[in-house]
Amino acid sequence: METTHLFARVVVVGPSGAGKTTLAKQLAGRAGVPHVELDALHWGPGWASTPPAQLRPKVAAALQGDAWVCDGNYPSLRDAVLGRATAVIWLNYTRSRVFRQAFCRSVCRIRSGERLWAGNRESFQRTFLSRHSILLWVLSSYDSRQLACREVFESATYQALQRVRLDTPAATDRFLETFSQAG
């Protein structure tokens, strides 16, 4: 089916906190393909970043398959990820929407003690009282992430990609329904 081919290798992009991983997991589950989460490949124990020389090969190995859904915004990996993709989906939500979602997600993770990548956990201290706060990151990186997504959508380099821009959670829900029917 043509739709399956167009959406064989999907990258979900957008600002931190927009819900990229949630959407990517849903798409991967519905399509029956692997989900590749760039944050899981990037973060090590104690919130240590994986050095670029180690990260690129890990990402390349994870994206070798014929079909997958990947999420994440790592500018240094853009060529490796989008170069293998057939489609890109941009969660183009407002700053207030993204911040609200990130805030709620962090509070839930703190309360539950949810383990994230490499056993890391969000904490009250790190989330609300640290210069490494994910909430500060969401606010300070919003504009640059949105600009990067816009550049991808307007770039001739990525012209061959199927491009979907979703501006609201309702639009995302409609897309998911269409995606399910197409698959």
N, C-alpha and C. Protein backbone atom coordinates (compact mmCIF):
# COMPACT_ATOMS: atom_id res chain seq x y z
N MET A 1 0.85 -1.18 0.00
CA MET A 1 0.00 0.00 0.00
C MET A 1 0.89 1.24 0.00
N GLU A 2 0.52 2.24 -0.75
CA GLU A 2 1.35 3.45 -0.89
C GLU A 2 1.55 4.17 0.45
N THR A 3 0.50 4.25 1.25
CA THR A 3 0.61 4.94 2.53
C THR A 3 1.65 4.26 3.42
N THR A 4 1.66 2.93 3.42
CA THR A 4 2.63 2.20 4.22
C THR A 4 4.05 2.55 3.78
N HIS A 5 4.27 2.62 2.47
CA HIS A 5 5.60 2.97 1.95
C HIS A 5 5.99 4.39 2.34
N LEU A 6 5.06 5.32 2.21
CA LEU A 6 5.35 6.72 2.55
C LEU A 6 5.67 6.88 4.04
N PHE A 7 5.09 6.04 4.86
CA PHE A 7 5.29 6.13 6.30
C PHE A 7 6.07 4.94 6.84
N ALA A 8 6.99 4.41 6.04
CA ALA A 8 7.78 3.26 6.47
C ALA A 8 8.77 3.63 7.57
N ARG A 9 9.41 4.78 7.42
CA ARG A 9 10.42 5.24 8.39
C ARG A 9 10.08 6.68 8.76
N VAL A 10 9.47 6.81 9.93
CA VAL A 10 8.89 8.09 10.36
C VAL A 10 9.72 8.70 11.47
N VAL A 11 9.95 10.00 11.37
CA VAL A 11 10.60 10.76 12.44
C VAL A 11 9.59 11.76 12.98
N VAL A 12 9.42 11.77 14.30
CA VAL A 12 8.53 12.73 14.96
C VAL A 12 9.41 13.79 15.61
N VAL A 13 9.19 15.05 15.23
CA VAL A 13 9.98 16.17 15.75
C VAL A 13 9.05 17.20 16.39
N GLY A 14 9.65 18.13 17.10
CA GLY A 14 8.90 19.19 17.76
C GLY A 14 9.64 19.62 19.01
N PRO A 15 9.11 20.60 19.69
CA PRO A 15 9.78 21.09 20.90
C PRO A 15 9.75 20.05 22.02
N SER A 16 10.69 20.15 22.92
CA SER A 16 10.72 19.28 24.09
C SER A 16 9.42 19.42 24.86
N GLY A 17 8.83 18.30 25.20
CA GLY A 17 7.58 18.30 25.95
C GLY A 17 6.33 18.26 25.10
N ALA A 18 6.47 18.26 23.78
CA ALA A 18 5.29 18.30 22.91
C ALA A 18 4.55 16.96 22.86
N GLY A 19 5.24 15.88 23.17
CA GLY A 19 4.61 14.56 23.10
C GLY A 19 5.14 13.70 21.97
N LYS A 20 6.37 13.97 21.55
CA LYS A 20 6.98 13.22 20.45
C LYS A 20 7.04 11.72 20.74
N THR A 21 7.52 11.37 21.93
CA THR A 21 7.66 9.97 22.27
C THR A 21 6.31 9.28 22.36
N THR A 22 5.34 9.94 22.93
CA THR A 22 3.99 9.37 23.03
C THR A 22 3.44 9.08 21.64
N LEU A 23 3.53 10.05 20.74
CA LEU A 23 3.03 9.84 19.39
C LEU A 23 3.83 8.75 18.67
N ALA A 24 5.14 8.79 18.80
CA ALA A 24 5.98 7.79 18.13
C ALA A 24 5.65 6.38 18.60
N LYS A 25 5.44 6.19 19.89
CA LYS A 25 5.07 4.88 20.42
C LYS A 25 3.73 4.42 19.84
N GLN A 26 2.78 5.35 19.76
CA GLN A 26 1.46 5.01 19.21
C GLN A 26 1.58 4.61 17.75
N LEU A 27 2.33 5.38 16.97
CA LEU A 27 2.49 5.07 15.55
C LEU A 27 3.20 3.73 15.36
N ALA A 28 4.27 3.52 16.11
CA ALA A 28 5.02 2.27 15.99
C ALA A 28 4.15 1.08 16.36
N GLY A 29 3.38 1.23 17.43
CA GLY A 29 2.49 0.15 17.85
C GLY A 29 1.44 -0.17 16.80
N ARG A 30 0.86 0.85 16.22
CA ARG A 30 -0.18 0.63 15.21
C ARG A 30 0.39 0.05 13.92
N ALA A 31 1.63 0.41 13.61
CA ALA A 31 2.26 -0.09 12.38
C ALA A 31 2.99 -1.41 12.61
N GLY A 32 3.20 -1.78 13.87
CA GLY A 32 3.92 -3.00 14.17
C GLY A 32 5.40 -2.93 13.81
N VAL A 33 5.99 -1.74 14.04
CA VAL A 33 7.40 -1.53 13.72
C VAL A 33 8.14 -1.07 14.97
N PRO A 34 9.47 -1.15 14.99
CA PRO A 34 10.22 -0.70 16.16
C PRO A 34 10.09 0.80 16.41
N HIS A 35 10.15 1.16 17.68
CA HIS A 35 10.19 2.55 18.10
C HIS A 35 11.62 2.85 18.54
N VAL A 36 12.20 3.90 17.98
CA VAL A 36 13.56 4.32 18.33
C VAL A 36 13.46 5.68 19.01
N GLU A 37 13.83 5.72 20.27
CA GLU A 37 13.77 6.95 21.05
C GLU A 37 15.19 7.49 21.20
N LEU A 38 15.46 8.62 20.56
CA LEU A 38 16.82 9.17 20.60
C LEU A 38 17.27 9.50 22.01
N ASP A 39 16.36 9.95 22.87
CA ASP A 39 16.74 10.23 24.26
C ASP A 39 17.27 8.98 24.95
N ALA A 40 16.70 7.82 24.65
CA ALA A 40 17.14 6.57 25.27
C ALA A 40 18.56 6.22 24.83
N LEU A 41 18.92 6.61 23.61
CA LEU A 41 20.28 6.35 23.12
C LEU A 41 21.26 7.41 23.63
N HIS A 42 20.77 8.60 23.90
CA HIS A 42 21.61 9.72 24.31
C HIS A 42 21.97 9.72 25.79
N TRP A 43 20.97 9.45 26.65
CA TRP A 43 21.20 9.60 28.09
C TRP A 43 21.77 8.34 28.71
N GLY A 44 22.82 8.52 29.51
CA GLY A 44 23.41 7.43 30.27
C GLY A 44 23.09 7.60 31.74
N PRO A 45 23.61 6.72 32.59
CA PRO A 45 23.38 6.83 34.03
C PRO A 45 23.81 8.19 34.56
N GLY A 46 23.07 8.69 35.55
CA GLY A 46 23.38 9.98 36.16
C GLY A 46 23.19 11.14 35.20
N TRP A 47 22.32 10.97 34.23
CA TRP A 47 22.02 12.00 33.23
C TRP A 47 23.26 12.40 32.43
N ALA A 48 24.19 11.47 32.24
CA ALA A 48 25.38 11.74 31.44
C ALA A 48 25.04 11.58 29.96
N SER A 49 25.49 12.53 29.16
CA SER A 49 25.28 12.48 27.71
C SER A 49 26.25 11.47 27.08
N THR A 50 25.75 10.73 26.11
CA THR A 50 26.63 9.84 25.35
C THR A 50 27.46 10.71 24.41
N PRO A 51 28.77 10.54 24.39
CA PRO A 51 29.61 11.33 23.48
C PRO A 51 29.19 11.14 22.02
N PRO A 52 29.25 12.20 21.22
CA PRO A 52 28.83 12.10 19.81
C PRO A 52 29.50 10.96 19.05
N ALA A 53 30.74 10.68 19.31
CA ALA A 53 31.45 9.61 18.60
C ALA A 53 30.85 8.24 18.90
N GLN A 54 30.19 8.10 20.04
CA GLN A 54 29.52 6.85 20.40
C GLN A 54 28.04 6.87 20.02
N LEU A 55 27.45 8.07 20.04
CA LEU A 55 26.01 8.19 19.78
C LEU A 55 25.67 7.92 18.32
N ARG A 56 26.41 8.49 17.40
CA ARG A 56 26.10 8.32 15.96
C ARG A 56 26.04 6.85 15.54
N PRO A 57 27.02 6.02 15.93
CA PRO A 57 26.93 4.60 15.54
C PRO A 57 25.73 3.89 16.19
N LYS A 58 25.40 4.26 17.42
CA LYS A 58 24.23 3.67 18.08
C LYS A 58 22.95 4.01 17.32
N VAL A 59 22.84 5.27 16.90
CA VAL A 59 21.67 5.71 16.15
C VAL A 59 21.63 5.03 14.79
N ALA A 60 22.75 4.97 14.11
CA ALA A 60 22.80 4.32 12.79
C ALA A 60 22.37 2.86 12.88
N ALA A 61 22.82 2.16 13.91
CA ALA A 61 22.44 0.76 14.09
C ALA A 61 20.94 0.63 14.36
N ALA A 62 20.39 1.53 15.17
CA ALA A 62 18.97 1.47 15.51
C ALA A 62 18.07 1.76 14.30
N LEU A 63 18.60 2.53 13.34
CA LEU A 63 17.79 2.93 12.18
C LEU A 63 18.11 2.13 10.92
N GLN A 64 18.74 1.00 11.05
CA GLN A 64 19.09 0.20 9.88
C GLN A 64 17.91 -0.51 9.25
N GLY A 65 16.87 -0.76 10.00
CA GLY A 65 15.73 -1.52 9.49
C GLY A 65 14.98 -0.83 8.37
N ASP A 66 14.10 -1.60 7.73
CA ASP A 66 13.28 -1.07 6.64
C ASP A 66 12.10 -0.24 7.12
N ALA A 67 11.72 -0.42 8.39
CA ALA A 67 10.57 0.31 8.93
C ALA A 67 10.79 0.57 10.42
N TRP A 68 10.47 1.78 10.85
CA TRP A 68 10.61 2.20 12.23
C TRP A 68 9.94 3.56 12.43
N VAL A 69 9.74 3.92 13.68
CA VAL A 69 9.30 5.27 14.04
C VAL A 69 10.29 5.78 15.07
N CYS A 70 10.86 6.95 14.81
CA CYS A 70 11.90 7.54 15.66
C CYS A 70 11.41 8.88 16.17
N ASP A 71 11.79 9.22 17.39
CA ASP A 71 11.47 10.56 17.89
C ASP A 71 12.69 11.20 18.50
N GLY A 72 12.78 12.52 18.33
CA GLY A 72 13.86 13.27 18.94
C GLY A 72 14.34 14.41 18.07
N ASN A 73 14.99 15.35 18.73
CA ASN A 73 15.51 16.56 18.07
C ASN A 73 16.99 16.75 18.41
N TYR A 74 17.84 16.05 17.76
CA TYR A 74 19.26 16.22 17.98
C TYR A 74 19.85 16.79 16.70
N PRO A 75 20.14 18.10 16.68
CA PRO A 75 20.66 18.72 15.46
C PRO A 75 21.88 17.99 14.89
N SER A 76 22.74 17.48 15.75
CA SER A 76 23.94 16.79 15.28
C SER A 76 23.62 15.45 14.61
N LEU A 77 22.40 14.97 14.78
CA LEU A 77 22.00 13.69 14.19
C LEU A 77 21.00 13.87 13.05
N ARG A 78 20.66 15.11 12.74
CA ARG A 78 19.61 15.37 11.74
C ARG A 78 19.88 14.64 10.43
N ASP A 79 21.10 14.73 9.93
CA ASP A 79 21.40 14.08 8.65
C ASP A 79 21.26 12.57 8.74
N ALA A 80 21.71 11.97 9.83
CA ALA A 80 21.64 10.52 10.01
C ALA A 80 20.20 10.03 10.12
N VAL A 81 19.38 10.79 10.83
CA VAL A 81 18.00 10.38 11.07
C VAL A 81 17.12 10.70 9.85
N LEU A 82 17.11 11.95 9.43
CA LEU A 82 16.25 12.32 8.31
C LEU A 82 16.74 11.75 6.98
N GLY A 83 18.03 11.46 6.91
CA GLY A 83 18.56 10.83 5.70
C GLY A 83 18.03 9.43 5.47
N ARG A 84 17.57 8.76 6.51
CA ARG A 84 16.98 7.42 6.40
C ARG A 84 15.46 7.45 6.39
N ALA A 85 14.88 8.56 6.74
CA ALA A 85 13.41 8.65 6.90
C ALA A 85 12.69 8.73 5.56
N THR A 86 11.42 8.33 5.61
CA THR A 86 10.51 8.54 4.47
C THR A 86 9.47 9.60 4.80
N ALA A 87 9.32 9.89 6.10
CA ALA A 87 8.32 10.88 6.53
C ALA A 87 8.78 11.57 7.80
N VAL A 88 8.34 12.81 7.95
CA VAL A 88 8.61 13.56 9.18
C VAL A 88 7.29 14.17 9.64
N ILE A 89 7.04 14.06 10.93
CA ILE A 89 5.84 14.62 11.54
C ILE A 89 6.29 15.65 12.57
N TRP A 90 5.76 16.86 12.42
CA TRP A 90 6.12 17.98 13.30
C TRP A 90 4.97 18.28 14.24
N LEU A 91 5.20 18.11 15.54
CA LEU A 91 4.23 18.53 16.54
C LEU A 91 4.46 20.02 16.80
N ASN A 92 3.67 20.83 16.15
CA ASN A 92 3.83 22.29 16.15
C ASN A 92 2.87 22.93 17.15
N TYR A 93 2.98 22.53 18.39
CA TYR A 93 2.08 23.03 19.43
C TYR A 93 2.60 24.35 20.00
N THR A 94 1.70 25.11 20.61
CA THR A 94 2.07 26.39 21.20
C THR A 94 2.98 26.20 22.41
N ARG A 95 3.72 27.25 22.72
CA ARG A 95 4.61 27.22 23.89
C ARG A 95 3.83 26.91 25.17
N SER A 96 2.67 27.52 25.35
CA SER A 96 1.90 27.29 26.58
C SER A 96 1.42 25.84 26.66
N ARG A 97 0.99 25.27 25.55
CA ARG A 97 0.55 23.87 25.50
C ARG A 97 1.72 22.95 25.87
N VAL A 98 2.86 23.17 25.25
CA VAL A 98 4.03 22.33 25.48
C VAL A 98 4.49 22.44 26.93
N PHE A 99 4.54 23.64 27.46
CA PHE A 99 4.97 23.81 28.85
C PHE A 99 4.01 23.10 29.80
N ARG A 100 2.73 23.26 29.57
CA ARG A 100 1.72 22.62 30.42
C ARG A 100 1.89 21.10 30.38
N GLN A 101 2.09 20.54 29.20
CA GLN A 101 2.28 19.10 29.08
C GLN A 101 3.55 18.65 29.79
N ALA A 102 4.64 19.40 29.62
CA ALA A 102 5.91 19.04 30.26
C ALA A 102 5.80 19.13 31.78
N PHE A 103 5.12 20.15 32.26
CA PHE A 103 4.93 20.32 33.70
C PHE A 103 4.17 19.13 34.27
N CYS A 104 3.05 18.80 33.65
CA CYS A 104 2.23 17.67 34.14
C CYS A 104 3.00 16.36 34.06
N ARG A 105 3.72 16.14 32.97
CA ARG A 105 4.51 14.93 32.81
C ARG A 105 5.56 14.83 33.92
N SER A 106 6.25 15.93 34.20
CA SER A 106 7.29 15.92 35.24
C SER A 106 6.70 15.63 36.61
N VAL A 107 5.60 16.27 36.93
CA VAL A 107 4.96 16.03 38.23
C VAL A 107 4.56 14.56 38.36
N CYS A 108 3.99 13.99 37.31
CA CYS A 108 3.61 12.57 37.34
C CYS A 108 4.83 11.67 37.50
N ARG A 109 5.90 11.99 36.80
CA ARG A 109 7.12 11.17 36.90
C ARG A 109 7.75 11.27 38.28
N ILE A 110 7.73 12.45 38.87
CA ILE A 110 8.29 12.64 40.21
C ILE A 110 7.47 11.83 41.21
N ARG A 111 6.15 11.95 41.13
CA ARG A 111 5.27 11.23 42.06
C ARG A 111 5.42 9.72 41.95
N SER A 112 5.50 9.23 40.72
CA SER A 112 5.55 7.78 40.51
C SER A 112 6.95 7.20 40.67
N GLY A 113 7.97 8.05 40.57
CA GLY A 113 9.34 7.55 40.61
C GLY A 113 9.71 6.79 39.35
N GLU A 114 9.00 7.08 38.26
CA GLU A 114 9.23 6.38 36.99
C GLU A 114 10.70 6.41 36.59
N ARG A 115 11.19 5.24 36.21
CA ARG A 115 12.56 5.14 35.70
C ARG A 115 12.55 5.51 34.23
N LEU A 116 13.49 6.38 33.88
CA LEU A 116 13.64 6.79 32.49
C LEU A 116 14.87 6.09 31.93
N TRP A 117 15.51 6.69 30.98
CA TRP A 117 16.65 6.10 30.30
C TRP A 117 17.80 5.88 31.27
N ALA A 118 18.40 4.71 31.15
CA ALA A 118 19.57 4.32 31.95
C ALA A 118 19.29 4.42 33.46
N GLY A 119 18.04 4.23 33.84
CA GLY A 119 17.68 4.25 35.25
C GLY A 119 17.52 5.63 35.86
N ASN A 120 17.64 6.68 35.06
CA ASN A 120 17.47 8.04 35.58
C ASN A 120 16.03 8.28 35.98
N ARG A 121 15.86 9.20 36.91
CA ARG A 121 14.52 9.61 37.36
C ARG A 121 14.48 11.13 37.46
N GLU A 122 13.32 11.66 37.19
CA GLU A 122 13.13 13.09 37.45
C GLU A 122 12.94 13.26 38.95
N SER A 123 13.43 14.36 39.49
CA SER A 123 13.27 14.63 40.92
C SER A 123 12.76 16.05 41.09
N PHE A 124 12.19 16.31 42.26
CA PHE A 124 11.72 17.65 42.56
C PHE A 124 12.88 18.64 42.45
N GLN A 125 14.01 18.28 43.05
CA GLN A 125 15.19 19.14 43.05
C GLN A 125 15.63 19.48 41.62
N ARG A 126 15.80 18.46 40.80
CA ARG A 126 16.30 18.66 39.43
C ARG A 126 15.26 19.39 38.57
N THR A 127 14.00 19.10 38.76
CA THR A 127 12.95 19.68 37.92
C THR A 127 12.63 21.12 38.28
N PHE A 128 12.62 21.44 39.57
CA PHE A 128 12.16 22.76 39.99
C PHE A 128 13.23 23.67 40.58
N LEU A 129 14.36 23.10 41.01
CA LEU A 129 15.34 23.92 41.72
C LEU A 129 16.73 23.86 41.11
N SER A 130 16.84 23.41 39.88
CA SER A 130 18.15 23.22 39.28
C SER A 130 18.28 23.97 37.96
N ARG A 131 19.48 24.33 37.62
CA ARG A 131 19.71 24.95 36.30
C ARG A 131 19.59 23.91 35.20
N HIS A 132 19.52 22.62 35.57
CA HIS A 132 19.33 21.53 34.61
C HIS A 132 17.86 21.13 34.49
N SER A 133 16.98 21.98 34.96
CA SER A 133 15.54 21.71 34.96
C SER A 133 15.02 21.45 33.55
N ILE A 134 14.26 20.38 33.40
CA ILE A 134 13.63 20.10 32.11
C ILE A 134 12.63 21.21 31.77
N LEU A 135 12.02 21.80 32.77
CA LEU A 135 11.04 22.87 32.50
C LEU A 135 11.74 24.13 31.98
N LEU A 136 12.90 24.45 32.53
CA LEU A 136 13.68 25.57 31.98
C LEU A 136 14.11 25.25 30.55
N TRP A 137 14.50 24.00 30.31
CA TRP A 137 14.91 23.59 28.97
C TRP A 137 13.75 23.73 27.98
N VAL A 138 12.57 23.31 28.39
CA VAL A 138 11.39 23.42 27.52
C VAL A 138 11.18 24.88 27.11
N LEU A 139 11.26 25.78 28.07
CA LEU A 139 11.05 27.20 27.76
C LEU A 139 12.20 27.79 26.94
N SER A 140 13.43 27.48 27.32
CA SER A 140 14.57 28.12 26.65
C SER A 140 14.86 27.55 25.27
N SER A 141 14.46 26.31 25.01
CA SER A 141 14.75 25.69 23.72
C SER A 141 13.58 25.76 22.74
N TYR A 142 12.44 26.22 23.18
CA TYR A 142 11.23 26.20 22.35
C TYR A 142 11.45 26.87 21.00
N ASP A 143 11.93 28.10 21.01
CA ASP A 143 12.09 28.84 19.74
C ASP A 143 13.08 28.17 18.80
N SER A 144 14.21 27.72 19.33
CA SER A 144 15.21 27.09 18.46
C SER A 144 14.70 25.76 17.90
N ARG A 145 13.96 25.01 18.68
CA ARG A 145 13.40 23.73 18.20
C ARG A 145 12.36 23.99 17.11
N GLN A 146 11.54 25.00 17.32
CA GLN A 146 10.52 25.32 16.32
C GLN A 146 11.18 25.79 15.02
N LEU A 147 12.20 26.60 15.14
CA LEU A 147 12.93 27.07 13.96
C LEU A 147 13.56 25.90 13.21
N ALA A 148 14.16 24.98 13.94
CA ALA A 148 14.78 23.81 13.31
C ALA A 148 13.73 22.97 12.57
N CYS A 149 12.57 22.81 13.16
CA CYS A 149 11.50 22.04 12.50
C CYS A 149 11.02 22.77 11.25
N ARG A 150 10.86 24.06 11.35
CA ARG A 150 10.44 24.85 10.18
C ARG A 150 11.47 24.73 9.05
N GLU A 151 12.74 24.77 9.41
CA GLU A 151 13.81 24.63 8.41
C GLU A 151 13.73 23.28 7.70
N VAL A 152 13.46 22.23 8.45
CA VAL A 152 13.33 20.90 7.85
C VAL A 152 12.17 20.90 6.86
N PHE A 153 11.05 21.48 7.27
CA PHE A 153 9.86 21.47 6.42
C PHE A 153 10.04 22.30 5.15
N GLU A 154 10.86 23.35 5.23
CA GLU A 154 11.03 24.23 4.08
C GLU A 154 12.28 23.92 3.26
N SER A 155 13.11 23.01 3.74
CA SER A 155 14.39 22.72 3.09
C SER A 155 14.22 21.84 1.85
N ALA A 156 14.91 22.20 0.81
CA ALA A 156 14.94 21.38 -0.41
C ALA A 156 15.62 20.04 -0.14
N THR A 157 16.50 20.01 0.85
CA THR A 157 17.22 18.79 1.20
C THR A 157 16.25 17.66 1.56
N TYR A 158 15.15 18.02 2.19
CA TYR A 158 14.20 17.01 2.67
C TYR A 158 12.90 17.01 1.87
N GLN A 159 12.96 17.50 0.66
CA GLN A 159 11.79 17.60 -0.21
C GLN A 159 11.11 16.26 -0.45
N ALA A 160 11.88 15.19 -0.52
CA ALA A 160 11.33 13.88 -0.82
C ALA A 160 10.54 13.28 0.34
N LEU A 161 10.71 13.82 1.54
CA LEU A 161 10.01 13.29 2.70
C LEU A 161 8.53 13.65 2.66
N GLN A 162 7.69 12.71 3.05
CA GLN A 162 6.29 13.01 3.32
C GLN A 162 6.32 13.88 4.58
N ARG A 163 5.67 15.03 4.56
CA ARG A 163 5.70 15.95 5.71
C ARG A 163 4.30 16.18 6.24
N VAL A 164 4.17 16.04 7.56
CA VAL A 164 2.89 16.26 8.23
C VAL A 164 3.14 17.22 9.38
N ARG A 165 2.40 18.31 9.41
CA ARG A 165 2.50 19.28 10.50
C ARG A 165 1.20 19.23 11.29
N LEU A 166 1.32 18.97 12.58
CA LEU A 166 0.15 18.86 13.45
C LEU A 166 0.20 20.00 14.46
N ASP A 167 -0.79 20.89 14.39
CA ASP A 167 -0.77 22.11 15.19
C ASP A 167 -1.51 22.02 16.52
N THR A 168 -2.30 20.98 16.71
CA THR A 168 -3.06 20.83 17.95
C THR A 168 -3.16 19.35 18.31
N PRO A 169 -3.40 19.05 19.57
CA PRO A 169 -3.64 17.64 19.93
C PRO A 169 -4.84 17.05 19.17
N ALA A 170 -5.86 17.84 18.89
CA ALA A 170 -7.00 17.33 18.12
C ALA A 170 -6.57 16.93 16.71
N ALA A 171 -5.70 17.71 16.09
CA ALA A 171 -5.19 17.37 14.76
C ALA A 171 -4.36 16.08 14.84
N THR A 172 -3.62 15.92 15.92
CA THR A 172 -2.83 14.70 16.11
C THR A 172 -3.75 13.50 16.25
N ASP A 173 -4.83 13.64 17.01
CA ASP A 173 -5.79 12.55 17.16
C ASP A 173 -6.41 12.18 15.81
N ARG A 174 -6.75 13.18 15.01
CA ARG A 174 -7.31 12.90 13.68
C ARG A 174 -6.30 12.18 12.80
N PHE A 175 -5.05 12.62 12.87
CA PHE A 175 -4.00 11.97 12.08
C PHE A 175 -3.85 10.51 12.51
N LEU A 176 -3.83 10.26 13.81
CA LEU A 176 -3.70 8.90 14.32
C LEU A 176 -4.83 8.02 13.81
N GLU A 177 -6.03 8.56 13.80
CA GLU A 177 -7.19 7.80 13.31
C GLU A 177 -7.00 7.47 11.83
N THR A 178 -6.56 8.42 11.05
CA THR A 178 -6.30 8.21 9.62
C THR A 178 -5.18 7.21 9.43
N PHE A 179 -4.14 7.33 10.23
CA PHE A 179 -2.99 6.43 10.14
C PHE A 179 -3.44 5.00 10.43
N SER A 180 -4.28 4.82 11.43
CA SER A 180 -4.77 3.49 11.77
C SER A 180 -5.60 2.89 10.63
N GLN A 181 -6.40 3.71 9.99
CA GLN A 181 -7.26 3.23 8.91
C GLN A 181 -6.43 2.91 7.67
N ALA A 182 -5.36 3.67 7.45
CA ALA A 182 -4.51 3.46 6.27
C ALA A 182 -3.67 2.20 6.41
N GLY A 183 -3.26 1.88 7.67
CA GLY A 183 -2.40 0.72 7.89
C GLY A 183 -3.19 -0.52 7.86
